[in-house]
Amino acid sequence: MAHADRAVGAGAVGPGAGRGGGPRGAMARNALLPLRIFLGVTFVYAGLDKLTDPAFFAASGTGSIGELMRQIRGTSAVPQLVDLALKNPAGFGYAIAAGELAVGIGTLAGLFARVAALGGALISLSLWLTVSWSTEPYYYGNDLAYLMAWLPLVLAGAPMLSVDAALEARRSRQGRQLFG
């Protein structure tokens, strides 16, 4: 099988050995980076946007989380979640904003990247099941697309250019020093 010899990183020697050398290997290792940057920036922006909008945290009125929850109550797939939010709209709004900020910062930094991505997926799932559930056709609703975008990061984490990768490299170096 002649094509087996051309596999990415096959026969590679040196610093990139075993991780897919050359430009193709570098692209493969960094494939999730644009997705991390997009989702991280988007969630940080969404969290900050909520925190800087005084109308958002009101129980009622134009642009408020309370008004939005009352509007979607009848079309939500999970009205119980909407009812829970309506018990304390401001608290729910702050929780969403803080969650978006934590997810965005964790994703950008690559710190607890899988946990951050799972948080992003759960936020997107809850928004899809409530806010954008009634969107017709379903693919016009952006929350489902965000949910699907988080899944590769849930599975792979942030293997490159991340705090997680730096910590793993440090643990690996220390392990080699201890055990030869």
Protein backbone atom coordinates (compact mmCIF):
# COMPACT_ATOMS: atom_id res chain seq x y z
CA MET A 1 0.00 0.00 0.00
CA ALA A 2 1.95 2.95 -1.28
CA HIS A 3 -0.48 5.54 0.11
CA ALA A 4 0.13 4.43 3.70
CA ASP A 5 3.64 5.85 3.49
CA ARG A 6 2.23 9.29 2.73
CA ALA A 7 0.16 9.54 5.93
CA VAL A 8 0.48 12.79 7.80
CA GLY A 9 3.52 12.56 10.03
CA ALA A 10 4.56 9.14 8.75
CA GLY A 11 8.26 8.74 9.37
CA ALA A 12 8.52 12.21 10.87
CA VAL A 13 11.57 12.88 12.97
CA GLY A 14 12.14 15.80 15.28
CA PRO A 15 10.04 18.12 17.41
CA GLY A 16 6.77 17.52 15.51
CA ALA A 17 7.19 13.74 15.31
CA GLY A 18 4.07 11.78 16.12
CA ARG A 19 1.83 14.86 15.90
CA GLY A 20 1.65 15.19 12.12
CA GLY A 21 4.49 17.29 10.75
CA GLY A 22 4.39 19.84 8.00
CA PRO A 23 1.73 22.34 7.04
CA ARG A 24 -1.04 19.76 6.85
CA GLY A 25 -0.33 18.57 10.37
CA ALA A 26 -0.20 22.15 11.66
CA MET A 27 -3.56 22.89 10.04
CA ALA A 28 -5.07 19.75 11.56
CA ARG A 29 -3.76 20.61 15.03
CA ASN A 30 -5.18 24.14 14.81
CA ALA A 31 -8.45 23.27 13.04
CA LEU A 32 -10.62 24.10 16.06
CA LEU A 33 -8.92 27.42 16.79
CA PRO A 34 -11.19 29.55 14.52
CA LEU A 35 -14.26 27.93 16.09
CA ARG A 36 -12.90 28.57 19.60
CA ILE A 37 -12.21 32.21 18.78
CA PHE A 38 -15.63 32.75 17.18
CA LEU A 39 -17.60 31.10 19.97
CA GLY A 40 -15.46 32.64 22.71
CA VAL A 41 -15.73 36.18 21.36
CA THR A 42 -19.45 35.75 20.65
CA PHE A 43 -20.24 34.53 24.17
CA VAL A 44 -18.09 37.21 25.85
CA TYR A 45 -19.85 39.83 23.72
CA ALA A 46 -23.30 38.39 24.52
CA GLY A 47 -22.56 38.37 28.25
CA LEU A 48 -21.19 41.93 28.24
CA ASP A 49 -24.10 43.11 26.09
CA LYS A 50 -26.55 41.84 28.70
CA LEU A 51 -24.59 43.26 31.63
CA THR A 52 -24.41 46.73 30.06
CA ASP A 53 -28.10 46.90 29.10
CA PRO A 54 -30.09 48.13 32.12
CA ALA A 55 -33.40 47.29 30.42
CA PHE A 56 -32.43 43.60 30.04
CA PHE A 57 -32.63 42.77 33.76
CA ALA A 58 -36.07 44.31 34.33
CA ALA A 59 -39.03 42.09 35.11
CA SER A 60 -41.07 43.83 32.42
CA GLY A 61 -40.77 46.37 29.66
CA THR A 62 -39.28 46.55 26.20
CA GLY A 63 -36.04 44.60 25.89
CA SER A 64 -36.35 42.94 29.30
CA ILE A 65 -35.71 39.30 30.05
CA GLY A 66 -39.07 39.11 31.82
CA GLU A 67 -40.94 40.37 28.77
CA LEU A 68 -39.04 37.96 26.49
CA MET A 69 -39.90 35.01 28.75
CA ARG A 70 -43.60 35.94 28.78
CA GLN A 71 -43.59 36.22 24.96
CA ILE A 72 -42.06 32.77 24.40
CA ARG A 73 -43.93 30.94 27.19
CA GLY A 74 -46.60 29.55 24.85
CA THR A 75 -44.21 28.38 22.11
CA SER A 76 -41.38 26.96 24.21
CA ALA A 77 -40.59 23.24 24.13
CA VAL A 78 -39.89 23.43 27.87
CA PRO A 79 -42.36 25.90 29.41
CA GLN A 80 -41.26 24.78 32.89
CA LEU A 81 -37.85 26.36 32.23
CA VAL A 82 -39.55 29.59 31.20
CA ASP A 83 -41.71 29.48 34.35
CA LEU A 84 -38.56 29.05 36.43
CA ALA A 85 -37.01 32.11 34.76
CA LEU A 86 -40.18 34.11 35.36
CA LYS A 87 -39.94 33.53 39.13
CA ASN A 88 -36.87 35.80 39.19
CA PRO A 89 -36.21 37.33 35.75
CA ALA A 90 -33.32 39.51 36.91
CA GLY A 91 -31.59 36.60 38.64
CA PHE A 92 -32.06 34.44 35.57
CA GLY A 93 -30.71 37.23 33.36
CA TYR A 94 -27.61 37.65 35.54
CA ALA A 95 -27.06 33.88 35.56
CA ILE A 96 -27.21 33.74 31.75
CA ALA A 97 -24.89 36.75 31.39
CA ALA A 98 -22.37 35.34 33.91
CA GLY A 99 -22.56 31.93 32.25
CA GLU A 100 -21.93 33.41 28.82
CA LEU A 101 -18.95 35.38 30.14
CA ALA A 102 -17.45 32.36 31.91
CA VAL A 103 -17.95 30.15 28.87
CA GLY A 104 -16.50 32.76 26.51
CA ILE A 105 -13.43 33.49 28.64
CA GLY A 106 -12.80 29.80 29.32
CA THR A 107 -13.09 29.02 25.62
CA LEU A 108 -10.79 31.85 24.52
CA ALA A 109 -8.16 31.00 27.13
CA GLY A 110 -8.58 27.27 26.69
CA LEU A 111 -8.96 26.89 30.46
CA PHE A 112 -11.12 23.90 31.38
CA ALA A 113 -12.01 24.04 27.70
CA ARG A 114 -14.26 20.97 27.65
CA VAL A 115 -16.19 22.19 30.69
CA ALA A 116 -16.54 25.65 29.12
CA ALA A 117 -17.72 24.10 25.84
CA LEU A 118 -20.23 21.94 27.71
CA GLY A 119 -21.50 25.09 29.44
CA GLY A 120 -21.82 26.80 26.06
CA ALA A 121 -23.66 23.80 24.66
CA LEU A 122 -26.07 23.77 27.62
CA ILE A 123 -26.75 27.50 27.29
CA SER A 124 -27.37 27.05 23.55
CA LEU A 125 -29.59 24.02 24.18
CA SER A 126 -31.68 25.91 26.73
CA LEU A 127 -32.05 28.88 24.38
CA TRP A 128 -32.98 26.59 21.49
CA LEU A 129 -35.63 24.80 23.56
CA THR A 130 -37.11 28.08 24.76
CA VAL A 131 -36.37 31.19 22.71
CA SER A 132 -35.91 29.79 19.21
CA TRP A 133 -37.97 26.58 19.46
CA SER A 134 -40.85 27.95 17.36
CA THR A 135 -38.62 29.22 14.54
CA GLU A 136 -39.83 27.84 11.20
CA PRO A 137 -38.04 26.19 9.49
CA TYR A 138 -35.87 24.99 12.36
CA TYR A 139 -32.59 25.84 10.63
CA TYR A 140 -33.39 29.56 10.74
CA GLY A 141 -32.93 29.48 14.51
CA ASN A 142 -29.32 30.24 15.40
CA ASP A 143 -29.30 28.53 18.82
CA LEU A 144 -29.36 25.05 17.28
CA ALA A 145 -26.37 25.96 15.10
CA TYR A 146 -24.50 27.22 18.18
CA LEU A 147 -25.31 23.99 19.99
CA MET A 148 -23.83 21.97 17.11
CA ALA A 149 -20.79 24.27 16.96
CA TRP A 150 -20.01 23.60 20.63
CA LEU A 151 -19.96 19.81 20.23
CA PRO A 152 -16.49 19.51 18.56
CA LEU A 153 -15.04 21.57 21.42
CA VAL A 154 -16.82 19.40 24.00
CA LEU A 155 -15.23 16.34 22.38
CA ALA A 156 -11.74 17.71 21.64
CA GLY A 157 -11.21 20.48 24.16
CA ALA A 158 -8.50 23.01 23.30
CA PRO A 159 -5.42 20.98 22.42
CA MET A 160 -3.44 23.92 21.00
CA LEU A 161 -2.73 27.48 22.13
CA SER A 162 -4.52 27.06 25.44
CA VAL A 163 -3.93 27.06 29.16
CA ASP A 164 -5.05 23.42 29.21
CA ALA A 165 -2.37 22.47 26.63
CA ALA A 166 0.32 24.38 28.55
CA LEU A 167 -0.63 22.65 31.80
CA GLU A 168 -0.63 19.26 30.08
CA ALA A 169 2.83 19.92 28.58
CA ARG A 170 4.10 20.93 32.02
CA ARG A 171 2.68 17.77 33.63
CA SER A 172 4.22 15.69 30.86
CA ARG A 173 7.67 17.29 31.35
CA GLN A 174 7.49 16.80 35.11
CA GLY A 175 6.45 13.16 34.64
CA ARG A 176 9.42 12.50 32.34
CA GLN A 177 11.74 14.10 34.91
CA LEU A 178 10.36 11.93 37.69
CA PHE A 179 10.24 8.65 35.83
CA GLY A 180 13.07 9.11 33.30
